C-alpha atoms as a PDB file:
ATOM      1  CA  UNK A   1     -11.989 -38.345 -25.613  1.00  0.00           C
ATOM      2  CA  UNK A   2     -10.749 -36.081 -28.345  1.00  0.00           C
ATOM      3  CA  UNK A   3     -12.429 -33.175 -26.745  1.00  0.00           C
ATOM      4  CA  UNK A   4     -10.713 -33.929 -23.453  1.00  0.00           C
ATOM      5  CA  UNK A   5      -7.311 -34.199 -25.127  1.00  0.00           C
ATOM      6  CA  UNK A   6      -7.936 -30.928 -26.900  1.00  0.00           C
ATOM      7  CA  UNK A   7      -8.829 -29.251 -23.591  1.00  0.00           C
ATOM      8  CA  UNK A   8      -5.657 -30.501 -21.925  1.00  0.00           C
ATOM      9  CA  UNK A   9      -3.584 -29.280 -24.789  1.00  0.00           C
ATOM     10  CA  UNK A  10      -5.182 -25.905 -24.594  1.00  0.00           C
ATOM     11  CA  UNK A  11      -4.698 -25.646 -20.858  1.00  0.00           C
ATOM     12  CA  UNK A  12      -0.838 -26.544 -21.442  1.00  0.00           C
ATOM     13  CA  UNK A  13      -0.402 -23.891 -24.151  1.00  0.00           C
ATOM     14  CA  UNK A  14      -2.169 -21.206 -21.921  1.00  0.00           C
ATOM     15  CA  UNK A  15       0.147 -21.927 -18.837  1.00  0.00           C
ATOM     16  CA  UNK A  16       3.029 -21.981 -21.169  1.00  0.00           C
ATOM     17  CA  UNK A  17       1.995 -18.748 -22.494  1.00  0.00           C
ATOM     18  CA  UNK A  18       1.653 -17.294 -18.945  1.00  0.00           C
ATOM     19  CA  UNK A  19       4.981 -18.678 -17.923  1.00  0.00           C
ATOM     20  CA  UNK A  20       6.542 -16.795 -20.975  1.00  0.00           C
ATOM     21  CA  UNK A  21       4.791 -13.668 -20.198  1.00  0.00           C
ATOM     22  CA  UNK A  22       5.785 -13.762 -16.576  1.00  0.00           C
ATOM     23  CA  UNK A  23       9.565 -14.383 -17.556  1.00  0.00           C
ATOM     24  CA  UNK A  24       9.110 -11.327 -19.846  1.00  0.00           C
ATOM     25  CA  UNK A  25       7.804  -9.192 -17.162  1.00  0.00           C
ATOM     26  CA  UNK A  26      10.774 -10.148 -14.793  1.00  0.00           C
ATOM     27  CA  UNK A  27      13.195  -9.336 -17.738  1.00  0.00           C
ATOM     28  CA  UNK A  28      11.679  -5.970 -18.299  1.00  0.00           C
ATOM     29  CA  UNK A  29      11.832  -5.021 -14.591  1.00  0.00           C
ATOM     30  CA  UNK A  30      15.477  -3.948 -14.582  1.00  0.00           C
ATOM     31  CA  UNK A  31      14.759  -1.526 -17.318  1.00  0.00           C
ATOM     32  CA  UNK A  32      11.877  -0.013 -15.313  1.00  0.00           C
ATOM     33  CA  UNK A  33      13.931   0.283 -12.213  1.00  0.00           C
ATOM     34  CA  UNK A  34      16.404   2.267 -14.236  1.00  0.00           C
ATOM     35  CA  UNK A  35      13.843   4.753 -15.221  1.00  0.00           C
ATOM     36  CA  UNK A  36      12.534   4.937 -11.723  1.00  0.00           C
ATOM     37  CA  UNK A  37      16.092   5.663 -10.334  1.00  0.00           C
ATOM     38  CA  UNK A  38      16.462   8.476 -12.922  1.00  0.00           C
ATOM     39  CA  UNK A  39      13.204   9.975 -11.786  1.00  0.00           C
ATOM     40  CA  UNK A  40      14.457   9.827  -8.227  1.00  0.00           C
ATOM     41  CA  UNK A  41      17.626  11.542  -9.080  1.00  0.00           C
ATOM     42  CA  UNK A  42      15.898  14.459 -10.860  1.00  0.00           C
ATOM     43  CA  UNK A  43      13.941  15.116  -7.398  1.00  0.00           C
ATOM     44  CA  UNK A  44      16.414  17.629  -6.383  1.00  0.00           C
ATOM     45  CA  UNK A  45      15.237  19.851  -9.286  1.00  0.00           C
ATOM     46  CA  UNK A  46      11.984  21.567  -7.612  1.00  0.00           C
ATOM     47  CA  UNK A  47      10.751  22.673 -11.244  1.00  0.00           C
ATOM     48  CA  UNK A  48      10.364  19.083 -12.461  1.00  0.00           C
ATOM     49  CA  UNK A  49       9.899  17.279  -8.955  1.00  0.00           C
ATOM     50  CA  UNK A  50       6.181  17.373  -9.101  1.00  0.00           C
ATOM     51  CA  UNK A  51       5.693  15.740 -12.701  1.00  0.00           C
ATOM     52  CA  UNK A  52       8.419  12.995 -12.037  1.00  0.00           C
ATOM     53  CA  UNK A  53       6.950  12.392  -8.590  1.00  0.00           C
ATOM     54  CA  UNK A  54       3.539  11.476 -10.166  1.00  0.00           C
ATOM     55  CA  UNK A  55       5.227   9.368 -12.783  1.00  0.00           C
ATOM     56  CA  UNK A  56       7.361   7.529 -10.126  1.00  0.00           C
ATOM     57  CA  UNK A  57       4.315   6.747  -8.205  1.00  0.00           C
ATOM     58  CA  UNK A  58       2.338   5.477 -11.066  1.00  0.00           C
ATOM     59  CA  UNK A  59       5.264   3.260 -12.017  1.00  0.00           C
ATOM     60  CA  UNK A  60       5.473   1.798  -8.638  1.00  0.00           C
ATOM     61  CA  UNK A  61       1.699   1.002  -8.496  1.00  0.00           C
ATOM     62  CA  UNK A  62       1.782  -0.395 -11.936  1.00  0.00           C
ATOM     63  CA  UNK A  63       4.969  -2.717 -10.890  1.00  0.00           C
ATOM     64  CA  UNK A  64       3.081  -3.662  -7.694  1.00  0.00           C
ATOM     65  CA  UNK A  65      -0.218  -4.689  -9.527  1.00  0.00           C
ATOM     66  CA  UNK A  66       1.433  -6.795 -12.319  1.00  0.00           C
ATOM     67  CA  UNK A  67       3.696  -8.357  -9.911  1.00  0.00           C
ATOM     68  CA  UNK A  68       0.818  -9.492  -7.748  1.00  0.00           C
ATOM     69  CA  UNK A  69      -0.905 -10.820 -10.824  1.00  0.00           C
ATOM     70  CA  UNK A  70       2.091 -13.228 -11.261  1.00  0.00           C
ATOM     71  CA  UNK A  71       2.460 -14.314  -7.776  1.00  0.00           C
ATOM     72  CA  UNK A  72       5.485 -12.283  -7.020  1.00  0.00           C
ATOM     73  CA  UNK A  73       4.339 -11.300  -3.636  1.00  0.00           C
ATOM     74  CA  UNK A  74       7.688 -10.179  -2.344  1.00  0.00           C
ATOM     75  CA  UNK A  75       7.782  -7.602  -5.182  1.00  0.00           C
ATOM     76  CA  UNK A  76       4.362  -6.422  -4.240  1.00  0.00           C
ATOM     77  CA  UNK A  77       5.356  -6.122  -0.503  1.00  0.00           C
ATOM     78  CA  UNK A  78       8.336  -4.072  -1.544  1.00  0.00           C
ATOM     79  CA  UNK A  79       6.353  -1.599  -3.727  1.00  0.00           C
ATOM     80  CA  UNK A  80       3.573  -1.342  -1.004  1.00  0.00           C
ATOM     81  CA  UNK A  81       6.112   0.288   1.300  1.00  0.00           C
ATOM     82  CA  UNK A  82       7.831   2.288  -1.358  1.00  0.00           C
ATOM     83  CA  UNK A  83       4.360   3.607  -2.027  1.00  0.00           C
ATOM     84  CA  UNK A  84       4.007   4.476   1.572  1.00  0.00           C
ATOM     85  CA  UNK A  85       7.346   6.293   1.573  1.00  0.00           C
ATOM     86  CA  UNK A  86       6.329   8.139  -1.486  1.00  0.00           C
ATOM     87  CA  UNK A  87       2.945   9.144  -0.153  1.00  0.00           C
ATOM     88  CA  UNK A  88       4.469  10.533   3.033  1.00  0.00           C
ATOM     89  CA  UNK A  89       6.024  13.461   0.959  1.00  0.00           C
ATOM     90  CA  UNK A  90       2.444  14.347  -0.329  1.00  0.00           C
ATOM     91  CA  UNK A  91       4.168  15.174  -3.691  1.00  0.00           C
ATOM     92  CA  UNK A  92       5.765  18.137  -2.326  1.00  0.00           C
ATOM     93  CA  UNK A  93       9.341  19.198  -2.590  1.00  0.00           C
ATOM     94  CA  UNK A  94      10.770  19.739   0.818  1.00  0.00           C
ATOM     95  CA  UNK A  95      13.968  20.995   2.382  1.00  0.00           C
ATOM     96  CA  UNK A  96      14.727  17.301   3.497  1.00  0.00           C
ATOM     97  CA  UNK A  97      14.362  15.853   0.173  1.00  0.00           C
ATOM     98  CA  UNK A  98      17.664  14.555  -0.020  1.00  0.00           C
ATOM     99  CA  UNK A  99      17.213  12.245   2.844  1.00  0.00           C
ATOM    100  CA  UNK A 100      13.955  11.130   1.132  1.00  0.00           C
ATOM    101  CA  UNK A 101      15.759  10.499  -2.265  1.00  0.00           C
ATOM    102  CA  UNK A 102      18.266   8.442  -0.437  1.00  0.00           C
ATOM    103  CA  UNK A 103      15.715   6.056   1.025  1.00  0.00           C
ATOM    104  CA  UNK A 104      13.673   5.955  -2.165  1.00  0.00           C
ATOM    105  CA  UNK A 105      16.826   4.882  -3.971  1.00  0.00           C
ATOM    106  CA  UNK A 106      17.232   2.026  -1.370  1.00  0.00           C
ATOM    107  CA  UNK A 107      13.863   0.741  -2.333  1.00  0.00           C
ATOM    108  CA  UNK A 108      14.891   0.452  -5.924  1.00  0.00           C
ATOM    109  CA  UNK A 109      18.021  -1.233  -5.013  1.00  0.00           C
ATOM    110  CA  UNK A 110      16.194  -3.634  -2.860  1.00  0.00           C
ATOM    111  CA  UNK A 111      13.893  -4.336  -5.864  1.00  0.00           C
ATOM    112  CA  UNK A 112      16.825  -4.943  -7.917  1.00  0.00           C
ATOM    113  CA  UNK A 113      18.474  -7.263  -5.498  1.00  0.00           C
ATOM    114  CA  UNK A 114      15.104  -9.263  -5.294  1.00  0.00           C
ATOM    115  CA  UNK A 115      14.840  -9.520  -9.088  1.00  0.00           C
ATOM    116  CA  UNK A 116      18.380 -10.923  -9.301  1.00  0.00           C
ATOM    117  CA  UNK A 117      17.331 -13.570  -6.519  1.00  0.00           C
ATOM    118  CA  UNK A 118      14.237 -14.512  -8.364  1.00  0.00           C
ATOM    119  CA  UNK A 119      16.167 -15.086 -11.634  1.00  0.00           C
ATOM    120  CA  UNK A 120      18.599 -17.229  -9.817  1.00  0.00           C
ATOM    121  CA  UNK A 121      15.698 -19.440  -8.520  1.00  0.00           C
ATOM    122  CA  UNK A 122      15.654 -18.378  -4.901  1.00  0.00           C
ATOM    123  CA  UNK A 123      12.463 -18.923  -3.070  1.00  0.00           C
ATOM    124  CA  UNK A 124      13.359 -17.821   0.628  1.00  0.00           C
ATOM    125  CA  UNK A 125      13.301 -14.069   0.840  1.00  0.00           C
ATOM    126  CA  UNK A 126      13.522 -13.643   4.530  1.00  0.00           C
ATOM    127  CA  UNK A 127      16.682 -11.505   4.098  1.00  0.00           C
ATOM    128  CA  UNK A 128      14.928  -9.184   1.779  1.00  0.00           C
ATOM    129  CA  UNK A 129      11.840  -8.971   4.336  1.00  0.00           C
ATOM    130  CA  UNK A 130      14.587  -7.989   7.090  1.00  0.00           C
ATOM    131  CA  UNK A 131      15.864  -5.094   4.848  1.00  0.00           C
ATOM    132  CA  UNK A 132      12.549  -4.057   4.289  1.00  0.00           C
ATOM    133  CA  UNK A 133      12.025  -3.558   7.981  1.00  0.00           C
ATOM    134  CA  UNK A 134      15.209  -1.761   8.233  1.00  0.00           C
ATOM    135  CA  UNK A 135      14.285   0.499   5.693  1.00  0.00           C
ATOM    136  CA  UNK A 136      10.899   1.494   7.238  1.00  0.00           C
ATOM    137  CA  UNK A 137      12.789   2.214  10.468  1.00  0.00           C
ATOM    138  CA  UNK A 138      15.451   4.312   8.441  1.00  0.00           C
ATOM    139  CA  UNK A 139      12.562   6.143   6.897  1.00  0.00           C
ATOM    140  CA  UNK A 140      11.261   7.325  10.290  1.00  0.00           C
ATOM    141  CA  UNK A 141      14.572   8.563  11.191  1.00  0.00           C
ATOM    142  CA  UNK A 142      15.120   5.413  13.522  1.00  0.00           C
ATOM    143  CA  UNK A 143      12.097   6.178  15.646  1.00  0.00           C
ATOM    144  CA  UNK A 144       9.146   3.879  16.277  1.00  0.00           C
ATOM    145  CA  UNK A 145       5.527   4.196  15.552  1.00  0.00           C
ATOM    146  CA  UNK A 146       3.142   3.208  18.198  1.00  0.00           C
ATOM    147  CA  UNK A 147       0.136   2.910  15.795  1.00  0.00           C
ATOM    148  CA  UNK A 148      -0.190   2.003  12.239  1.00  0.00           C
ATOM    149  CA  UNK A 149      -3.264   3.024  10.175  1.00  0.00           C
ATOM    150  CA  UNK A 150      -4.271   1.976   6.690  1.00  0.00           C
ATOM    151  CA  UNK A 151      -6.350   4.586   4.655  1.00  0.00           C
ATOM    152  CA  UNK A 152      -8.477   3.085   1.740  1.00  0.00           C
ATOM    153  CA  UNK A 153      -9.504   5.433  -0.735  1.00  0.00           C
ATOM    154  CA  UNK A 154      -9.179   6.462  -4.419  1.00  0.00           C
ATOM    155  CA  UNK A 155      -8.483   9.963  -3.402  1.00  0.00           C
ATOM    156  CA  UNK A 156      -5.426  11.507  -1.995  1.00  0.00           C
ATOM    157  CA  UNK A 157      -7.593  14.071   0.026  1.00  0.00           C
ATOM    158  CA  UNK A 158      -8.000  11.789   3.215  1.00  0.00           C
ATOM    159  CA  UNK A 159      -4.021  10.957   3.171  1.00  0.00           C
ATOM    160  CA  UNK A 160      -3.336  14.691   3.041  1.00  0.00           C
ATOM    161  CA  UNK A 161      -5.548  15.333   5.876  1.00  0.00           C
ATOM    162  CA  UNK A 162      -3.995  12.697   8.007  1.00  0.00           C
ATOM    163  CA  UNK A 163      -0.398  13.634   7.046  1.00  0.00           C
ATOM    164  CA  UNK A 164      -0.908  17.280   7.894  1.00  0.00           C
ATOM    165  CA  UNK A 165      -2.849  16.684  11.006  1.00  0.00           C
ATOM    166  CA  UNK A 166      -0.616  13.884  12.431  1.00  0.00           C
ATOM    167  CA  UNK A 167       2.751  14.860  10.950  1.00  0.00           C
ATOM    168  CA  UNK A 168       4.398  14.712  14.521  1.00  0.00           C
ATOM    169  CA  UNK A 169       2.419  12.021  16.150  1.00  0.00           C
ATOM    170  CA  UNK A 170       3.506   8.509  16.814  1.00  0.00           C
ATOM    171  CA  UNK A 171       1.091   7.178  14.142  1.00  0.00           C
ATOM    172  CA  UNK A 172       2.063   5.884  10.652  1.00  0.00           C
ATOM    173  CA  UNK A 173      -0.313   5.971   7.690  1.00  0.00           C
ATOM    174  CA  UNK A 174      -0.296   3.563   4.772  1.00  0.00           C
ATOM    175  CA  UNK A 175      -2.295   3.967   1.916  1.00  0.00           C
ATOM    176  CA  UNK A 176      -4.556   1.494  -0.617  1.00  0.00           C
ATOM    177  CA  UNK A 177      -6.315   2.868  -3.658  1.00  0.00           C
ATOM    178  CA  UNK A 178      -8.831   0.112  -3.573  1.00  0.00           C
ATOM    179  CA  UNK A 179     -10.749  -2.229  -1.259  1.00  0.00           C
ATOM    180  CA  UNK A 180      -9.250  -5.334  -2.805  1.00  0.00           C
ATOM    181  CA  UNK A 181      -5.593  -4.291  -2.429  1.00  0.00           C
ATOM    182  CA  UNK A 182      -6.299  -3.138   0.961  1.00  0.00           C
ATOM    183  CA  UNK A 183      -7.808  -6.494   2.051  1.00  0.00           C
ATOM    184  CA  UNK A 184      -4.701  -8.387   0.978  1.00  0.00           C
ATOM    185  CA  UNK A 185      -2.633  -5.834   3.180  1.00  0.00           C
ATOM    186  CA  UNK A 186      -4.778  -6.209   5.967  1.00  0.00           C
ATOM    187  CA  UNK A 187      -4.610 -10.102   5.788  1.00  0.00           C
ATOM    188  CA  UNK A 188      -0.778  -9.987   5.585  1.00  0.00           C
ATOM    189  CA  UNK A 189       0.622  -6.879   7.560  1.00  0.00           C
ATOM    190  CA  UNK A 190      -0.013  -5.755  11.101  1.00  0.00           C
ATOM    191  CA  UNK A 191      -2.272  -2.689  11.530  1.00  0.00           C
ATOM    192  CA  UNK A 192      -4.110  -1.099  14.545  1.00  0.00           C
ATOM    193  CA  UNK A 193      -6.540   1.038  12.586  1.00  0.00           C
ATOM    194  CA  UNK A 194      -8.347   0.797   9.051  1.00  0.00           C
ATOM    195  CA  UNK A 195      -9.922   4.019   7.656  1.00  0.00           C
ATOM    196  CA  UNK A 196     -12.064   3.232   4.523  1.00  0.00           C
ATOM    197  CA  UNK A 197     -14.065   5.199   2.142  1.00  0.00           C
ATOM    198  CA  UNK A 198     -17.439   3.631   1.679  1.00  0.00           C
ATOM    199  CA  UNK A 199     -16.880   4.239  -1.982  1.00  0.00           C
ATOM    200  CA  UNK A 200     -13.498   2.469  -2.294  1.00  0.00           C
ATOM    201  CA  UNK A 201     -13.164   0.908  -5.805  1.00  0.00           C
ATOM    202  CA  UNK A 202     -13.313  -2.794  -6.274  1.00  0.00           C
ATOM    203  CA  UNK A 203     -14.615  -3.639  -2.717  1.00  0.00           C
ATOM    204  CA  UNK A 204     -16.369  -0.989  -0.939  1.00  0.00           C
ATOM    205  CA  UNK A 205     -15.765   0.078   2.705  1.00  0.00           C
ATOM    206  CA  UNK A 206     -18.613  -1.969   4.315  1.00  0.00           C
ATOM    207  CA  UNK A 207     -17.610  -5.041   2.275  1.00  0.00           C
ATOM    208  CA  UNK A 208     -13.899  -4.588   3.272  1.00  0.00           C
ATOM    209  CA  UNK A 209     -14.566  -4.149   6.894  1.00  0.00           C
ATOM    210  CA  UNK A 210     -17.149  -7.062   6.892  1.00  0.00           C
ATOM    211  CA  UNK A 211     -14.663  -9.431   5.250  1.00  0.00           C
ATOM    212  CA  UNK A 212     -11.852  -8.594   7.753  1.00  0.00           C
ATOM    213  CA  UNK A 213     -14.176  -9.108  10.725  1.00  0.00           C
ATOM    214  CA  UNK A 214     -15.178 -12.573   9.331  1.00  0.00           C
ATOM    215  CA  UNK A 215     -11.547 -13.643   8.801  1.00  0.00           C
ATOM    216  CA  UNK A 216      -9.438 -15.418  11.455  1.00  0.00           C
ATOM    217  CA  UNK A 217      -6.743 -12.929  10.880  1.00  0.00           C
ATOM    218  CA  UNK A 218      -4.849 -11.017  13.733  1.00  0.00           C
ATOM    219  CA  UNK A 219      -6.317  -7.814  12.291  1.00  0.00           C
ATOM    220  CA  UNK A 220     -10.078  -8.854  12.518  1.00  0.00           C
ATOM    221  CA  UNK A 221     -10.601  -6.880  15.737  1.00  0.00           C
ATOM    222  CA  UNK A 222      -8.874  -3.641  14.989  1.00  0.00           C
ATOM    223  CA  UNK A 223     -10.709  -0.292  15.001  1.00  0.00           C
ATOM    224  CA  UNK A 224     -12.518   0.379  11.775  1.00  0.00           C
ATOM    225  CA  UNK A 225     -13.786   3.940  10.706  1.00  0.00           C
ATOM    226  CA  UNK A 226     -15.980   4.250   7.574  1.00  0.00           C
ATOM    227  CA  UNK A 227     -16.086   7.482   5.586  1.00  0.00           C
ATOM    228  CA  UNK A 228     -19.361   8.197   3.992  1.00  0.00           C
ATOM    229  CA  UNK A 229     -21.577  10.770   2.500  1.00  0.00           C
ATOM    230  CA  UNK A 230     -24.862   9.113   3.639  1.00  0.00           C
ATOM    231  CA  UNK A 231     -26.040   8.990   7.260  1.00  0.00           C
ATOM    232  CA  UNK A 232     -26.134   5.370   8.558  1.00  0.00           C
ATOM    233  CA  UNK A 233     -27.785   3.825  11.601  1.00  0.00           C
ATOM    234  CA  UNK A 234     -25.879   1.927  14.066  1.00  0.00           C
ATOM    235  CA  UNK A 235     -27.043  -1.754  14.263  1.00  0.00           C
ATOM    236  CA  UNK A 236     -24.279  -3.148  16.168  1.00  0.00           C
ATOM    237  CA  UNK A 237     -23.287  -6.148  13.980  1.00  0.00           C
ATOM    238  CA  UNK A 238     -20.021  -7.700  14.347  1.00  0.00           C
ATOM    239  CA  UNK A 239     -19.360  -6.661  10.678  1.00  0.00           C
ATOM    240  CA  UNK A 240     -20.068  -3.204  11.177  1.00  0.00           C
ATOM    241  CA  UNK A 241     -17.377  -0.288  11.460  1.00  0.00           C
ATOM    242  CA  UNK A 242     -16.744   1.152  14.982  1.00  0.00           C
ATOM    243  CA  UNK A 243     -16.988   4.739  13.770  1.00  0.00           C
ATOM    244  CA  UNK A 244     -18.649   6.378  10.928  1.00  0.00           C
ATOM    245  CA  UNK A 245     -17.383   9.862   9.717  1.00  0.00           C
ATOM    246  CA  UNK A 246     -19.955  11.673   7.735  1.00  0.00           C
ATOM    247  CA  UNK A 247     -18.439  13.454   4.679  1.00  0.00           C
ATOM    248  CA  UNK A 248     -19.663  16.905   5.363  1.00  0.00           C
ATOM    249  CA  UNK A 249     -18.462  20.449   6.068  1.00  0.00           C
ATOM    250  CA  UNK A 250     -17.045  19.263   9.352  1.00  0.00           C
ATOM    251  CA  UNK A 251     -15.401  16.067   7.990  1.00  0.00           C
ATOM    252  CA  UNK A 252     -11.486  16.944   8.227  1.00  0.00           C
ATOM    253  CA  UNK A 253     -11.957  17.970  12.033  1.00  0.00           C
ATOM    254  CA  UNK A 254     -14.311  14.890  12.756  1.00  0.00           C
ATOM    255  CA  UNK A 255     -11.941  12.575  11.044  1.00  0.00           C
ATOM    256  CA  UNK A 256      -8.894  13.921  12.985  1.00  0.00           C
ATOM    257  CA  UNK A 257     -10.791  13.937  16.167  1.00  0.00           C
ATOM    258  CA  UNK A 258     -11.919  10.311  15.748  1.00  0.00           C
ATOM    259  CA  UNK A 259      -8.381   9.260  15.082  1.00  0.00           C
ATOM    260  CA  UNK A 260      -7.166  11.162  18.149  1.00  0.00           C
ATOM    261  CA  UNK A 261      -9.826   9.438  20.229  1.00  0.00           C
ATOM    262  CA  UNK A 262      -8.671   6.055  19.178  1.00  0.00           C
ATOM    263  CA  UNK A 263      -4.995   6.892  20.176  1.00  0.00           C
ATOM    264  CA  UNK A 264      -6.103   8.140  23.417  1.00  0.00           C
ATOM    265  CA  UNK A 265      -8.168   5.113  24.127  1.00  0.00           C
ATOM    266  CA  UNK A 266      -5.130   2.756  23.293  1.00  0.00           C
ATOM    267  CA  UNK A 267      -2.949   4.674  25.998  1.00  0.00           C
ATOM    268  CA  UNK A 268      -5.789   4.789  28.513  1.00  0.00           C
END
């Protein structure tokens, strides 16, 4: 009986500690957002842009991950979209950077508004979700994408290839750095294509595709492209990728042609 009482006391203490850590994390976010805002405002200086951009991306990624660990999924969702907006620049200073800066500042503002709502005890974030959709539309200049693809890889190489090849196409690319994060997005956001590296961290490409196929999620039947350095036999299992692109000397051309083929199939 003494042991049971002691275990219950330990559990209460752990929960109390986690609660305090969560409160401390939330209280610290406005300071983080102020730093992120300062980084964005410095983006008009091409000499310092690259370094600040990398720091801004890391800060956003860190905020997303920690928020997810505390169950603050609305913060995670905003950071996902913010990362997508940042990735679309490929870390390069461009003539239209002012437009990009304005949009980035809106993401920071939305994060600030959300934190204030959380601190006030609000649990319905439908208004935040609506603003997030509006921000995505604003980011694309008011246009609409006909396809949405998720690229899953630790390397920036694949997103650079796709952003360069499909810059003017009606396809939007989002990015996840590991398979575990990607699965969360695939189970909660609408996508048309998933492009995953076999060596994706935490959950490899085959496992990610298999988990998605075996779910009851709306994305379970989307087209899946696996990127691998090893030749694979096609077995035709329900959990297999639709396409395998070998990472060889023709990788970039094969990847872009495979994506183009999927787009054309959709219109056929």
